[in-house]
Amino acid sequence: MSNTASPDPEILRQILEPLLEDFAYWFDRSQKLLSDERLTFLTEAQQQQLLQRVQNAIKEVGVATSLFKITGHQVGVDMATMRPWHELLVECQAVGMRYYRNQAIS
């Protein structure tokens, strides 16, 4: 017999809501950079592919956020779903740091 308790909606809200907001915020910033600037250290195809991945992640985070809110904070997001978002954010952070470092040198 399994002893799984339902998650406390308030705890889920306190933990998951800010996390989803952070994902949305940083993906939005990444999308803006990738859309507005030409990153010379990436090929145009690489930049476009990264932009598409970010746009897809924005949609996924939006759906997860909507479901979370619609259910009254009663559903979480599986770590297997969030892991690729985190990995993409780390990749975008590295790209952003490289871009801004290049800007400072120029």
N, C-alpha and C. Protein backbone atom coordinates (compact mmCIF):
# COMPACT_ATOMS: atom_id res chain seq x y z
N MET A 1 0.83 -1.17 0.00
CA MET A 1 0.00 0.00 0.00
C MET A 1 0.89 1.25 0.00
N SER A 2 0.51 2.21 -0.80
CA SER A 2 1.28 3.44 -0.92
C SER A 2 0.78 4.46 0.09
N ASN A 3 1.70 5.18 0.65
CA ASN A 3 1.35 6.21 1.62
C ASN A 3 1.69 7.57 1.03
N THR A 4 0.96 7.96 -0.01
CA THR A 4 1.19 9.25 -0.64
C THR A 4 0.13 10.23 -0.19
N ALA A 5 0.57 11.33 0.33
CA ALA A 5 -0.35 12.38 0.79
C ALA A 5 -0.49 13.41 -0.32
N SER A 6 -1.65 14.02 -0.34
CA SER A 6 -1.87 15.10 -1.30
C SER A 6 -1.00 16.29 -0.88
N PRO A 7 -0.39 16.95 -1.87
CA PRO A 7 0.44 18.10 -1.52
C PRO A 7 -0.42 19.23 -0.96
N ASP A 8 0.14 19.94 -0.02
CA ASP A 8 -0.53 21.10 0.55
C ASP A 8 -0.52 22.23 -0.48
N PRO A 9 -1.70 22.71 -0.92
CA PRO A 9 -1.74 23.76 -1.95
C PRO A 9 -0.97 25.02 -1.56
N GLU A 10 -0.95 25.35 -0.28
CA GLU A 10 -0.25 26.56 0.15
C GLU A 10 1.27 26.38 0.02
N ILE A 11 1.76 25.22 0.37
CA ILE A 11 3.19 24.95 0.22
C ILE A 11 3.56 24.94 -1.26
N LEU A 12 2.73 24.29 -2.07
CA LEU A 12 2.97 24.30 -3.52
C LEU A 12 3.00 25.73 -4.05
N ARG A 13 2.06 26.53 -3.61
CA ARG A 13 2.00 27.92 -4.08
C ARG A 13 3.26 28.68 -3.67
N GLN A 14 3.69 28.50 -2.44
CA GLN A 14 4.87 29.23 -1.94
C GLN A 14 6.15 28.83 -2.66
N ILE A 15 6.22 27.59 -3.09
CA ILE A 15 7.44 27.11 -3.74
C ILE A 15 7.36 27.22 -5.26
N LEU A 16 6.28 26.73 -5.82
CA LEU A 16 6.19 26.62 -7.27
C LEU A 16 5.87 27.94 -7.96
N GLU A 17 5.02 28.75 -7.36
CA GLU A 17 4.65 30.01 -8.01
C GLU A 17 5.85 30.91 -8.30
N PRO A 18 6.73 31.16 -7.32
CA PRO A 18 7.90 32.00 -7.63
C PRO A 18 8.85 31.33 -8.63
N LEU A 19 8.93 30.01 -8.58
CA LEU A 19 9.79 29.30 -9.53
C LEU A 19 9.28 29.47 -10.95
N LEU A 20 7.99 29.30 -11.15
CA LEU A 20 7.41 29.49 -12.48
C LEU A 20 7.56 30.94 -12.94
N GLU A 21 7.40 31.88 -12.00
CA GLU A 21 7.58 33.30 -12.35
C GLU A 21 9.02 33.57 -12.79
N ASP A 22 9.98 32.95 -12.08
CA ASP A 22 11.39 33.12 -12.47
C ASP A 22 11.65 32.55 -13.86
N PHE A 23 11.14 31.35 -14.12
CA PHE A 23 11.31 30.78 -15.46
C PHE A 23 10.75 31.74 -16.51
N ALA A 24 9.54 32.24 -16.29
CA ALA A 24 8.90 33.13 -17.26
C ALA A 24 9.73 34.40 -17.46
N TYR A 25 10.21 34.98 -16.37
CA TYR A 25 10.99 36.21 -16.44
C TYR A 25 12.28 36.00 -17.23
N TRP A 26 13.05 34.96 -16.90
CA TRP A 26 14.35 34.76 -17.54
C TRP A 26 14.21 34.28 -18.98
N PHE A 27 13.18 33.50 -19.26
CA PHE A 27 12.95 33.13 -20.66
C PHE A 27 12.55 34.35 -21.48
N ASP A 28 11.77 35.24 -20.90
CA ASP A 28 11.38 36.47 -21.60
C ASP A 28 12.62 37.32 -21.91
N ARG A 29 13.50 37.46 -20.94
CA ARG A 29 14.74 38.22 -21.17
C ARG A 29 15.60 37.58 -22.25
N SER A 30 15.67 36.25 -22.21
CA SER A 30 16.46 35.53 -23.21
C SER A 30 15.85 35.71 -24.60
N GLN A 31 14.52 35.64 -24.67
CA GLN A 31 13.85 35.83 -25.95
C GLN A 31 14.14 37.23 -26.49
N LYS A 32 14.09 38.22 -25.64
CA LYS A 32 14.35 39.60 -26.07
C LYS A 32 15.77 39.73 -26.62
N LEU A 33 16.74 39.19 -25.91
CA LEU A 33 18.12 39.26 -26.38
C LEU A 33 18.28 38.55 -27.72
N LEU A 34 17.76 37.35 -27.81
CA LEU A 34 17.92 36.56 -29.04
C LEU A 34 17.15 37.17 -30.21
N SER A 35 16.08 37.87 -29.93
CA SER A 35 15.27 38.50 -30.99
C SER A 35 15.85 39.84 -31.44
N ASP A 36 16.40 40.59 -30.50
CA ASP A 36 16.80 41.97 -30.77
C ASP A 36 18.26 42.14 -31.18
N GLU A 37 19.10 41.21 -30.81
CA GLU A 37 20.54 41.36 -31.05
C GLU A 37 21.06 40.26 -31.95
N ARG A 38 22.07 40.58 -32.71
CA ARG A 38 22.76 39.56 -33.52
C ARG A 38 23.98 39.11 -32.72
N LEU A 39 23.98 37.87 -32.30
CA LEU A 39 25.07 37.31 -31.50
C LEU A 39 26.10 36.72 -32.45
N THR A 40 27.19 37.42 -32.63
CA THR A 40 28.17 37.05 -33.64
C THR A 40 28.92 35.76 -33.32
N PHE A 41 28.90 35.32 -32.07
CA PHE A 41 29.58 34.08 -31.70
C PHE A 41 28.71 32.86 -31.94
N LEU A 42 27.48 33.06 -32.39
CA LEU A 42 26.60 31.98 -32.82
C LEU A 42 26.32 32.16 -34.31
N THR A 43 26.14 31.06 -35.02
CA THR A 43 25.68 31.20 -36.39
C THR A 43 24.23 31.68 -36.34
N GLU A 44 23.76 32.21 -37.43
CA GLU A 44 22.36 32.65 -37.46
C GLU A 44 21.42 31.47 -37.18
N ALA A 45 21.78 30.30 -37.72
CA ALA A 45 20.95 29.11 -37.49
C ALA A 45 20.95 28.71 -36.02
N GLN A 46 22.11 28.78 -35.36
CA GLN A 46 22.19 28.45 -33.94
C GLN A 46 21.36 29.43 -33.10
N GLN A 47 21.47 30.71 -33.44
CA GLN A 47 20.71 31.72 -32.71
C GLN A 47 19.21 31.50 -32.90
N GLN A 48 18.80 31.23 -34.12
CA GLN A 48 17.38 31.00 -34.40
C GLN A 48 16.88 29.76 -33.69
N GLN A 49 17.69 28.71 -33.69
CA GLN A 49 17.29 27.47 -33.01
C GLN A 49 17.16 27.70 -31.50
N LEU A 50 18.09 28.43 -30.92
CA LEU A 50 18.01 28.74 -29.49
C LEU A 50 16.77 29.59 -29.20
N LEU A 51 16.50 30.55 -30.05
CA LEU A 51 15.31 31.38 -29.90
C LEU A 51 14.04 30.53 -29.95
N GLN A 52 13.98 29.60 -30.88
CA GLN A 52 12.81 28.73 -30.98
C GLN A 52 12.64 27.87 -29.74
N ARG A 53 13.74 27.37 -29.20
CA ARG A 53 13.67 26.57 -27.97
C ARG A 53 13.17 27.42 -26.80
N VAL A 54 13.63 28.66 -26.74
CA VAL A 54 13.17 29.57 -25.68
C VAL A 54 11.68 29.86 -25.85
N GLN A 55 11.25 30.14 -27.06
CA GLN A 55 9.84 30.41 -27.31
C GLN A 55 8.97 29.21 -26.94
N ASN A 56 9.45 28.02 -27.23
CA ASN A 56 8.72 26.81 -26.85
C ASN A 56 8.65 26.68 -25.33
N ALA A 57 9.75 26.95 -24.66
CA ALA A 57 9.77 26.88 -23.19
C ALA A 57 8.82 27.91 -22.58
N ILE A 58 8.75 29.10 -23.19
CA ILE A 58 7.82 30.13 -22.70
C ILE A 58 6.39 29.60 -22.75
N LYS A 59 6.05 28.94 -23.84
CA LYS A 59 4.70 28.36 -23.97
C LYS A 59 4.48 27.28 -22.92
N GLU A 60 5.47 26.41 -22.73
CA GLU A 60 5.34 25.32 -21.76
C GLU A 60 5.17 25.87 -20.34
N VAL A 61 5.97 26.85 -19.98
CA VAL A 61 5.87 27.46 -18.65
C VAL A 61 4.51 28.14 -18.50
N GLY A 62 4.03 28.77 -19.56
CA GLY A 62 2.72 29.41 -19.52
C GLY A 62 1.60 28.40 -19.28
N VAL A 63 1.68 27.27 -19.94
CA VAL A 63 0.67 26.22 -19.75
C VAL A 63 0.75 25.68 -18.32
N ALA A 64 1.95 25.42 -17.83
CA ALA A 64 2.10 24.92 -16.46
C ALA A 64 1.57 25.93 -15.45
N THR A 65 1.84 27.20 -15.67
CA THR A 65 1.37 28.25 -14.77
C THR A 65 -0.16 28.32 -14.80
N SER A 66 -0.73 28.25 -15.98
CA SER A 66 -2.19 28.29 -16.10
C SER A 66 -2.84 27.11 -15.39
N LEU A 67 -2.32 25.92 -15.61
CA LEU A 67 -2.86 24.73 -14.94
C LEU A 67 -2.72 24.83 -13.43
N PHE A 68 -1.59 25.34 -12.99
CA PHE A 68 -1.34 25.51 -11.57
C PHE A 68 -2.38 26.45 -10.95
N LYS A 69 -2.65 27.54 -11.63
CA LYS A 69 -3.62 28.52 -11.12
C LYS A 69 -5.05 28.00 -11.22
N ILE A 70 -5.40 27.40 -12.35
CA ILE A 70 -6.76 26.91 -12.58
C ILE A 70 -7.15 25.86 -11.56
N THR A 71 -6.19 25.05 -11.14
CA THR A 71 -6.49 23.98 -10.19
C THR A 71 -6.39 24.43 -8.74
N GLY A 72 -6.26 25.73 -8.53
CA GLY A 72 -6.17 26.23 -7.16
C GLY A 72 -4.89 25.80 -6.46
N HIS A 73 -3.81 25.75 -7.22
CA HIS A 73 -2.48 25.40 -6.70
C HIS A 73 -2.42 23.96 -6.17
N GLN A 74 -3.19 23.09 -6.79
CA GLN A 74 -3.27 21.71 -6.33
C GLN A 74 -2.43 20.75 -7.17
N VAL A 75 -1.81 21.26 -8.23
CA VAL A 75 -0.97 20.40 -9.07
C VAL A 75 0.43 20.98 -9.12
N GLY A 76 1.39 20.09 -9.09
CA GLY A 76 2.77 20.51 -9.21
C GLY A 76 3.27 20.31 -10.63
N VAL A 77 4.55 20.49 -10.79
CA VAL A 77 5.19 20.26 -12.09
C VAL A 77 6.30 19.24 -11.84
N ASP A 78 6.28 18.18 -12.61
CA ASP A 78 7.26 17.11 -12.46
C ASP A 78 8.67 17.64 -12.72
N MET A 79 9.61 17.15 -11.94
CA MET A 79 11.01 17.55 -12.13
C MET A 79 11.52 17.21 -13.53
N ALA A 80 11.01 16.13 -14.10
CA ALA A 80 11.42 15.76 -15.46
C ALA A 80 10.98 16.81 -16.47
N THR A 81 9.93 17.54 -16.14
CA THR A 81 9.46 18.63 -17.01
C THR A 81 10.31 19.88 -16.81
N MET A 82 10.67 20.16 -15.56
CA MET A 82 11.42 21.37 -15.26
C MET A 82 12.91 21.27 -15.59
N ARG A 83 13.45 20.08 -15.57
CA ARG A 83 14.89 19.92 -15.82
C ARG A 83 15.32 20.53 -17.16
N PRO A 84 14.61 20.26 -18.27
CA PRO A 84 15.02 20.88 -19.54
C PRO A 84 14.90 22.41 -19.50
N TRP A 85 13.93 22.93 -18.75
CA TRP A 85 13.82 24.39 -18.62
C TRP A 85 15.05 24.94 -17.92
N HIS A 86 15.44 24.28 -16.86
CA HIS A 86 16.61 24.73 -16.11
C HIS A 86 17.87 24.65 -16.99
N GLU A 87 18.03 23.56 -17.70
CA GLU A 87 19.19 23.41 -18.58
C GLU A 87 19.21 24.49 -19.67
N LEU A 88 18.04 24.81 -20.21
CA LEU A 88 17.95 25.86 -21.23
C LEU A 88 18.30 27.22 -20.63
N LEU A 89 17.83 27.47 -19.41
CA LEU A 89 18.17 28.75 -18.77
C LEU A 89 19.66 28.87 -18.52
N VAL A 90 20.30 27.79 -18.12
CA VAL A 90 21.75 27.81 -17.91
C VAL A 90 22.45 28.11 -19.24
N GLU A 91 21.98 27.49 -20.31
CA GLU A 91 22.55 27.75 -21.64
C GLU A 91 22.35 29.22 -22.03
N CYS A 92 21.15 29.73 -21.81
CA CYS A 92 20.87 31.13 -22.14
C CYS A 92 21.69 32.09 -21.29
N GLN A 93 21.89 31.73 -20.03
CA GLN A 93 22.71 32.56 -19.15
C GLN A 93 24.14 32.65 -19.68
N ALA A 94 24.67 31.54 -20.11
CA ALA A 94 26.03 31.53 -20.66
C ALA A 94 26.11 32.38 -21.93
N VAL A 95 25.10 32.28 -22.78
CA VAL A 95 25.06 33.08 -24.01
C VAL A 95 24.96 34.56 -23.64
N GLY A 96 24.10 34.90 -22.71
CA GLY A 96 23.95 36.29 -22.29
C GLY A 96 25.22 36.85 -21.68
N MET A 97 25.87 36.07 -20.84
CA MET A 97 27.13 36.52 -20.23
C MET A 97 28.18 36.76 -21.30
N ARG A 98 28.25 35.87 -22.26
CA ARG A 98 29.23 36.03 -23.34
C ARG A 98 28.91 37.28 -24.16
N TYR A 99 27.64 37.49 -24.46
CA TYR A 99 27.24 38.66 -25.23
C TYR A 99 27.63 39.94 -24.50
N TYR A 100 27.26 40.04 -23.21
CA TYR A 100 27.53 41.26 -22.46
C TYR A 100 29.01 41.46 -22.19
N ARG A 101 29.75 40.38 -22.05
CA ARG A 101 31.20 40.48 -21.90
C ARG A 101 31.81 41.04 -23.19
N ASN A 102 31.35 40.55 -24.35
CA ASN A 102 31.82 41.06 -25.64
C ASN A 102 31.47 42.53 -25.81
N GLN A 103 30.29 42.93 -25.33
CA GLN A 103 29.87 44.33 -25.43
C GLN A 103 30.80 45.22 -24.60
N ALA A 104 31.20 44.74 -23.43
CA ALA A 104 32.05 45.53 -22.54
C ALA A 104 33.44 45.71 -23.14
N ILE A 105 33.89 44.71 -23.89
CA ILE A 105 35.23 44.77 -24.49
C ILE A 105 35.23 45.70 -25.70
N SER A 106 34.14 45.72 -26.44
CA SER A 106 34.07 46.53 -27.66
C SER A 106 34.06 48.00 -27.41
